[in-house]
Amino acid sequence: MVIPMNFTEVYSGIYHVLVVKTHEWGPNAWTPYGRAILLIRDPEKSILAEFNRQSGGHVGFASPDRYRRTKGRYWTQFVKNKLWAWEQTNLSWAKNFTGEVKLVFYDDLVENVEGTLRSILKFLKFPVNEELLACALMRKEGIYRRKKRILQFDPYSPAMHAIIDEKRGEVYAALGRYDAH
């Protein structure tokens, strides 16, 4: 999520946009923004969520046979590509973006929604409206929240787990988080 450079002007105008969500990274993606909130999700969960989104829509799931498509080559390449993108996105925004960056780990947000939202609003220098915050907390699941589903198999091979663990550790260490799991 990024904050427009002229946030005060935008907010005092008709747009009332507090943050803009993006999955892009790099200088062209950064240009319009002065500050950013980097939401970091565990790569295994992030990759699974994206595979489910692409295969089953915003609230659906990939069928088990989707993981085995083309004898597993499609899934293997998907994991490789998405792990690279996860690493690049997080490191690019955290290390190369020239504006202020607030790091928010997804599991911390889930564990402490109210505290995390308050710290985000503080970072944005935006006053807390208790009524709106209470409304957000009541609706924290949202309409695009996928229900939990437990797969009857582990879609990740031992080699995939190993490289994901390695990249998670590298990225989390670069971001100052040393409890990689």
C-alpha atoms as a PDB file:
ATOM      1  CA  MET A   1       0.000   0.000   0.000  1.00  0.00           C
ATOM      2  CA  VAL A   2       1.362   3.365  -0.893  1.00  0.00           C
ATOM      3  CA  ILE A   3       0.450   6.894   0.027  1.00  0.00           C
ATOM      4  CA  PRO A   4       0.126   9.576  -2.659  1.00  0.00           C
ATOM      5  CA  MET A   5       2.797  12.313  -2.431  1.00  0.00           C
ATOM      6  CA  ASN A   6       0.172  15.024  -2.126  1.00  0.00           C
ATOM      7  CA  PHE A   7      -1.985  13.080   0.302  1.00  0.00           C
ATOM      8  CA  THR A   8      -3.140  16.214   2.152  1.00  0.00           C
ATOM      9  CA  GLU A   9      -4.350  17.781  -1.079  1.00  0.00           C
ATOM     10  CA  VAL A  10      -6.014  14.566  -2.212  1.00  0.00           C
ATOM     11  CA  TYR A  11      -7.710  14.077   1.143  1.00  0.00           C
ATOM     12  CA  SER A  12      -8.912  17.662   1.393  1.00  0.00           C
ATOM     13  CA  GLY A  13     -10.240  17.361  -2.162  1.00  0.00           C
ATOM     14  CA  ILE A  14     -12.937  15.043  -3.422  1.00  0.00           C
ATOM     15  CA  TYR A  15     -10.973  11.786  -3.662  1.00  0.00           C
ATOM     16  CA  HIS A  16     -10.532  10.822  -0.011  1.00  0.00           C
ATOM     17  CA  VAL A  17      -7.983   8.127  -0.820  1.00  0.00           C
ATOM     18  CA  LEU A  18      -5.846   7.163   2.142  1.00  0.00           C
ATOM     19  CA  VAL A  19      -3.740   4.393   0.553  1.00  0.00           C
ATOM     20  CA  VAL A  20      -3.434   2.712  -2.821  1.00  0.00           C
ATOM     21  CA  LYS A  21      -2.781  -1.020  -3.089  1.00  0.00           C
ATOM     22  CA  THR A  22      -0.193  -2.159  -5.616  1.00  0.00           C
ATOM     23  CA  HIS A  23       1.695  -5.338  -6.433  1.00  0.00           C
ATOM     24  CA  GLU A  24       4.225  -3.464  -8.558  1.00  0.00           C
ATOM     25  CA  TRP A  25       7.774  -2.579  -7.588  1.00  0.00           C
ATOM     26  CA  GLY A  26      10.689  -0.633  -8.997  1.00  0.00           C
ATOM     27  CA  PRO A  27      11.308   3.043  -9.777  1.00  0.00           C
ATOM     28  CA  ASN A  28       8.325   3.400 -12.104  1.00  0.00           C
ATOM     29  CA  ALA A  29       5.997   2.037  -9.438  1.00  0.00           C
ATOM     30  CA  TRP A  30       7.446   4.321  -6.745  1.00  0.00           C
ATOM     31  CA  THR A  31       7.345   7.632  -8.587  1.00  0.00           C
ATOM     32  CA  PRO A  32       3.900   8.851  -7.482  1.00  0.00           C
ATOM     33  CA  TYR A  33       4.398   7.986  -3.821  1.00  0.00           C
ATOM     34  CA  GLY A  34       6.098   9.574  -0.849  1.00  0.00           C
ATOM     35  CA  ARG A  35       5.461   6.862   1.728  1.00  0.00           C
ATOM     36  CA  ALA A  36       4.635   3.162   1.635  1.00  0.00           C
ATOM     37  CA  ILE A  37       3.229   0.469   3.882  1.00  0.00           C
ATOM     38  CA  LEU A  38       4.831  -2.829   2.963  1.00  0.00           C
ATOM     39  CA  LEU A  39       2.591  -5.745   3.940  1.00  0.00           C
ATOM     40  CA  ILE A  40       4.782  -8.853   4.122  1.00  0.00           C
ATOM     41  CA  ARG A  41       3.161 -12.269   4.086  1.00  0.00           C
ATOM     42  CA  ASP A  42       4.870 -15.619   4.593  1.00  0.00           C
ATOM     43  CA  PRO A  43       5.935 -16.795   1.114  1.00  0.00           C
ATOM     44  CA  GLU A  44       4.388 -20.273   1.360  1.00  0.00           C
ATOM     45  CA  LYS A  45       1.002 -18.831   2.312  1.00  0.00           C
ATOM     46  CA  SER A  46       1.333 -16.031  -0.217  1.00  0.00           C
ATOM     47  CA  ILE A  47       2.114 -18.413  -3.072  1.00  0.00           C
ATOM     48  CA  LEU A  48      -0.766 -20.731  -2.141  1.00  0.00           C
ATOM     49  CA  ALA A  49      -3.175 -17.798  -1.891  1.00  0.00           C
ATOM     50  CA  GLU A  50      -2.175 -16.539  -5.340  1.00  0.00           C
ATOM     51  CA  PHE A  51      -2.440 -20.019  -6.855  1.00  0.00           C
ATOM     52  CA  ASN A  52      -5.920 -20.366  -5.358  1.00  0.00           C
ATOM     53  CA  ARG A  53      -6.898 -16.888  -6.588  1.00  0.00           C
ATOM     54  CA  GLN A  54      -5.729 -17.594 -10.122  1.00  0.00           C
ATOM     55  CA  SER A  55      -7.297 -21.060 -10.182  1.00  0.00           C
ATOM     56  CA  GLY A  56     -10.484 -20.517  -8.171  1.00  0.00           C
ATOM     57  CA  GLY A  57     -11.205 -16.806  -8.071  1.00  0.00           C
ATOM     58  CA  HIS A  58     -11.117 -14.397  -5.124  1.00  0.00           C
ATOM     59  CA  VAL A  59     -12.798 -16.783  -2.685  1.00  0.00           C
ATOM     60  CA  GLY A  60     -12.327 -20.145  -4.396  1.00  0.00           C
ATOM     61  CA  PHE A  61      -9.646 -22.799  -4.333  1.00  0.00           C
ATOM     62  CA  ALA A  62      -7.447 -24.575  -6.818  1.00  0.00           C
ATOM     63  CA  SER A  63      -8.570 -28.154  -7.243  1.00  0.00           C
ATOM     64  CA  PRO A  64      -5.977 -30.749  -6.174  1.00  0.00           C
ATOM     65  CA  ASP A  65      -5.419 -31.784  -9.803  1.00  0.00           C
ATOM     66  CA  ARG A  66      -4.242 -28.218 -10.612  1.00  0.00           C
ATOM     67  CA  TYR A  67      -1.080 -28.884  -8.577  1.00  0.00           C
ATOM     68  CA  ARG A  68      -0.386 -31.994 -10.623  1.00  0.00           C
ATOM     69  CA  ARG A  69      -1.069 -30.410 -14.018  1.00  0.00           C
ATOM     70  CA  THR A  70       1.679 -31.185 -16.552  1.00  0.00           C
ATOM     71  CA  LYS A  71       3.096 -33.714 -14.093  1.00  0.00           C
ATOM     72  CA  GLY A  72       3.673 -30.946 -11.540  1.00  0.00           C
ATOM     73  CA  ARG A  73       5.816 -28.800 -13.833  1.00  0.00           C
ATOM     74  CA  TYR A  74       3.250 -25.980 -13.907  1.00  0.00           C
ATOM     75  CA  TRP A  75       3.080 -25.827 -10.084  1.00  0.00           C
ATOM     76  CA  THR A  76       6.873 -26.060  -9.770  1.00  0.00           C
ATOM     77  CA  GLN A  77       7.375 -23.164 -12.181  1.00  0.00           C
ATOM     78  CA  PHE A  78       4.595 -21.186 -10.491  1.00  0.00           C
ATOM     79  CA  VAL A  79       6.313 -21.560  -7.105  1.00  0.00           C
ATOM     80  CA  LYS A  80       9.668 -20.554  -8.577  1.00  0.00           C
ATOM     81  CA  ASN A  81       8.223 -17.470 -10.301  1.00  0.00           C
ATOM     82  CA  LYS A  82       6.133 -16.325  -7.344  1.00  0.00           C
ATOM     83  CA  LEU A  83       8.951 -16.837  -4.847  1.00  0.00           C
ATOM     84  CA  TRP A  84      11.197 -14.658  -7.001  1.00  0.00           C
ATOM     85  CA  ALA A  85       8.462 -11.996  -7.240  1.00  0.00           C
ATOM     86  CA  TRP A  86       7.848 -12.182  -3.453  1.00  0.00           C
ATOM     87  CA  GLU A  87      11.550 -11.638  -2.769  1.00  0.00           C
ATOM     88  CA  GLN A  88      11.925  -8.825  -5.315  1.00  0.00           C
ATOM     89  CA  THR A  89       8.780  -6.994  -4.235  1.00  0.00           C
ATOM     90  CA  ASN A  90       9.624  -7.010  -0.540  1.00  0.00           C
ATOM     91  CA  LEU A  91      13.310  -6.162  -0.880  1.00  0.00           C
ATOM     92  CA  SER A  92      12.717  -3.577  -3.574  1.00  0.00           C
ATOM     93  CA  TRP A  93      10.176  -1.580  -1.574  1.00  0.00           C
ATOM     94  CA  ALA A  94      12.002  -1.990   1.738  1.00  0.00           C
ATOM     95  CA  LYS A  95      15.533  -1.252   0.544  1.00  0.00           C
ATOM     96  CA  ASN A  96      15.266   0.923  -2.563  1.00  0.00           C
ATOM     97  CA  PHE A  97      12.149   3.045  -2.152  1.00  0.00           C
ATOM     98  CA  THR A  98      13.352   6.520  -1.209  1.00  0.00           C
ATOM     99  CA  GLY A  99      10.319   7.520   0.846  1.00  0.00           C
ATOM    100  CA  GLU A 100       9.294   6.396   4.317  1.00  0.00           C
ATOM    101  CA  VAL A 101       8.361   2.718   4.600  1.00  0.00           C
ATOM    102  CA  LYS A 102       6.333   1.046   7.339  1.00  0.00           C
ATOM    103  CA  LEU A 103       6.847  -2.703   7.491  1.00  0.00           C
ATOM    104  CA  VAL A 104       3.775  -4.694   8.501  1.00  0.00           C
ATOM    105  CA  PHE A 105       4.004  -8.454   8.741  1.00  0.00           C
ATOM    106  CA  TYR A 106       0.730 -10.092   7.759  1.00  0.00           C
ATOM    107  CA  ASP A 107       0.760 -12.531  10.680  1.00  0.00           C
ATOM    108  CA  ASP A 108       1.183  -9.598  13.101  1.00  0.00           C
ATOM    109  CA  LEU A 109      -1.780  -7.859  11.467  1.00  0.00           C
ATOM    110  CA  VAL A 110      -3.939 -10.981  11.828  1.00  0.00           C
ATOM    111  CA  GLU A 111      -2.810 -11.495  15.431  1.00  0.00           C
ATOM    112  CA  ASN A 112      -3.371  -7.862  16.485  1.00  0.00           C
ATOM    113  CA  VAL A 113      -5.652  -6.114  13.993  1.00  0.00           C
ATOM    114  CA  GLU A 114      -6.491  -3.124  16.162  1.00  0.00           C
ATOM    115  CA  GLY A 115      -2.944  -2.424  17.310  1.00  0.00           C
ATOM    116  CA  THR A 116      -1.583  -2.789  13.794  1.00  0.00           C
ATOM    117  CA  LEU A 117      -4.245  -0.499  12.317  1.00  0.00           C
ATOM    118  CA  ARG A 118      -3.517   2.099  14.991  1.00  0.00           C
ATOM    119  CA  SER A 119       0.209   1.974  14.195  1.00  0.00           C
ATOM    120  CA  ILE A 120      -0.545   2.320  10.467  1.00  0.00           C
ATOM    121  CA  LEU A 121      -2.756   5.353  11.102  1.00  0.00           C
ATOM    122  CA  LYS A 122      -0.007   6.858  13.259  1.00  0.00           C
ATOM    123  CA  PHE A 123       2.507   6.296  10.433  1.00  0.00           C
ATOM    124  CA  LEU A 124       0.081   8.009   8.056  1.00  0.00           C
ATOM    125  CA  LYS A 125      -0.319  10.875  10.533  1.00  0.00           C
ATOM    126  CA  PHE A 126      -4.040  10.292  10.239  1.00  0.00           C
ATOM    127  CA  PRO A 127      -6.289  10.741  13.279  1.00  0.00           C
ATOM    128  CA  VAL A 128      -7.980   7.665  14.685  1.00  0.00           C
ATOM    129  CA  ASN A 129     -11.750   7.815  14.398  1.00  0.00           C
ATOM    130  CA  GLU A 130     -12.872   5.309  17.041  1.00  0.00           C
ATOM    131  CA  GLU A 131     -16.235   4.761  15.366  1.00  0.00           C
ATOM    132  CA  LEU A 132     -14.675   3.960  12.000  1.00  0.00           C
ATOM    133  CA  LEU A 133     -12.026   1.780  13.642  1.00  0.00           C
ATOM    134  CA  ALA A 134     -14.734  -0.193  15.460  1.00  0.00           C
ATOM    135  CA  CYS A 135     -16.548  -0.624  12.136  1.00  0.00           C
ATOM    136  CA  ALA A 136     -13.355  -1.875  10.470  1.00  0.00           C
ATOM    137  CA  LEU A 137     -12.740  -4.331  13.313  1.00  0.00           C
ATOM    138  CA  MET A 138     -16.301  -5.706  13.050  1.00  0.00           C
ATOM    139  CA  ARG A 139     -15.787  -6.290   9.328  1.00  0.00           C
ATOM    140  CA  LYS A 140     -12.164  -7.412   9.388  1.00  0.00           C
ATOM    141  CA  GLU A 141     -12.846 -10.628   7.466  1.00  0.00           C
ATOM    142  CA  GLY A 142     -14.022  -8.690   4.419  1.00  0.00           C
ATOM    143  CA  ILE A 143     -15.924 -10.031   1.438  1.00  0.00           C
ATOM    144  CA  TYR A 144     -12.908 -11.501  -0.337  1.00  0.00           C
ATOM    145  CA  ARG A 145     -11.694 -13.628   2.542  1.00  0.00           C
ATOM    146  CA  ARG A 146     -11.170 -17.230   1.499  1.00  0.00           C
ATOM    147  CA  LYS A 147     -12.412 -19.787   4.026  1.00  0.00           C
ATOM    148  CA  LYS A 148      -9.781 -22.113   5.449  1.00  0.00           C
ATOM    149  CA  ARG A 149      -9.243 -25.387   3.660  1.00  0.00           C
ATOM    150  CA  ILE A 150      -6.814 -28.081   4.636  1.00  0.00           C
ATOM    151  CA  LEU A 151      -5.263 -29.892   1.711  1.00  0.00           C
ATOM    152  CA  GLN A 152      -4.950 -33.639   2.069  1.00  0.00           C
ATOM    153  CA  PHE A 153      -1.400 -33.386   0.725  1.00  0.00           C
ATOM    154  CA  ASP A 154       1.518 -30.988   0.948  1.00  0.00           C
ATOM    155  CA  PRO A 155       1.762 -29.216  -2.415  1.00  0.00           C
ATOM    156  CA  TYR A 156       5.356 -28.231  -1.700  1.00  0.00           C
ATOM    157  CA  SER A 157       8.131 -30.741  -2.350  1.00  0.00           C
ATOM    158  CA  PRO A 158      11.057 -30.961   0.098  1.00  0.00           C
ATOM    159  CA  ALA A 159      13.180 -29.007  -2.393  1.00  0.00           C
ATOM    160  CA  MET A 160      10.509 -26.283  -2.598  1.00  0.00           C
ATOM    161  CA  HIS A 161      10.309 -26.086   1.201  1.00  0.00           C
ATOM    162  CA  ALA A 162      14.095 -25.761   1.378  1.00  0.00           C
ATOM    163  CA  ILE A 163      14.360 -22.887  -1.110  1.00  0.00           C
ATOM    164  CA  ILE A 164      11.331 -21.112   0.365  1.00  0.00           C
ATOM    165  CA  ASP A 165      12.799 -21.420   3.873  1.00  0.00           C
ATOM    166  CA  GLU A 166      16.104 -20.048   2.584  1.00  0.00           C
ATOM    167  CA  LYS A 167      14.502 -17.071   0.807  1.00  0.00           C
ATOM    168  CA  ARG A 168      12.165 -16.371   3.736  1.00  0.00           C
ATOM    169  CA  GLY A 169      15.136 -16.285   6.086  1.00  0.00           C
ATOM    170  CA  GLU A 170      17.128 -13.979   3.796  1.00  0.00           C
ATOM    171  CA  VAL A 171      14.274 -11.550   3.232  1.00  0.00           C
ATOM    172  CA  TYR A 172      13.110 -11.510   6.849  1.00  0.00           C
ATOM    173  CA  ALA A 173      16.690 -10.926   8.033  1.00  0.00           C
ATOM    174  CA  ALA A 174      17.079  -8.059   5.551  1.00  0.00           C
ATOM    175  CA  LEU A 175      13.872  -6.592   6.949  1.00  0.00           C
ATOM    176  CA  GLY A 176      15.013  -7.012  10.543  1.00  0.00           C
ATOM    177  CA  ARG A 177      12.788  -9.961  11.461  1.00  0.00           C
ATOM    178  CA  TYR A 178      14.721 -12.941  12.685  1.00  0.00           C
ATOM    179  CA  ASP A 179      11.887 -15.322  13.599  1.00  0.00           C
ATOM    180  CA  ALA A 180      11.419 -16.690  10.096  1.00  0.00           C
ATOM    181  CA  HIS A 181       8.519 -18.952  11.085  1.00  0.00           C
END
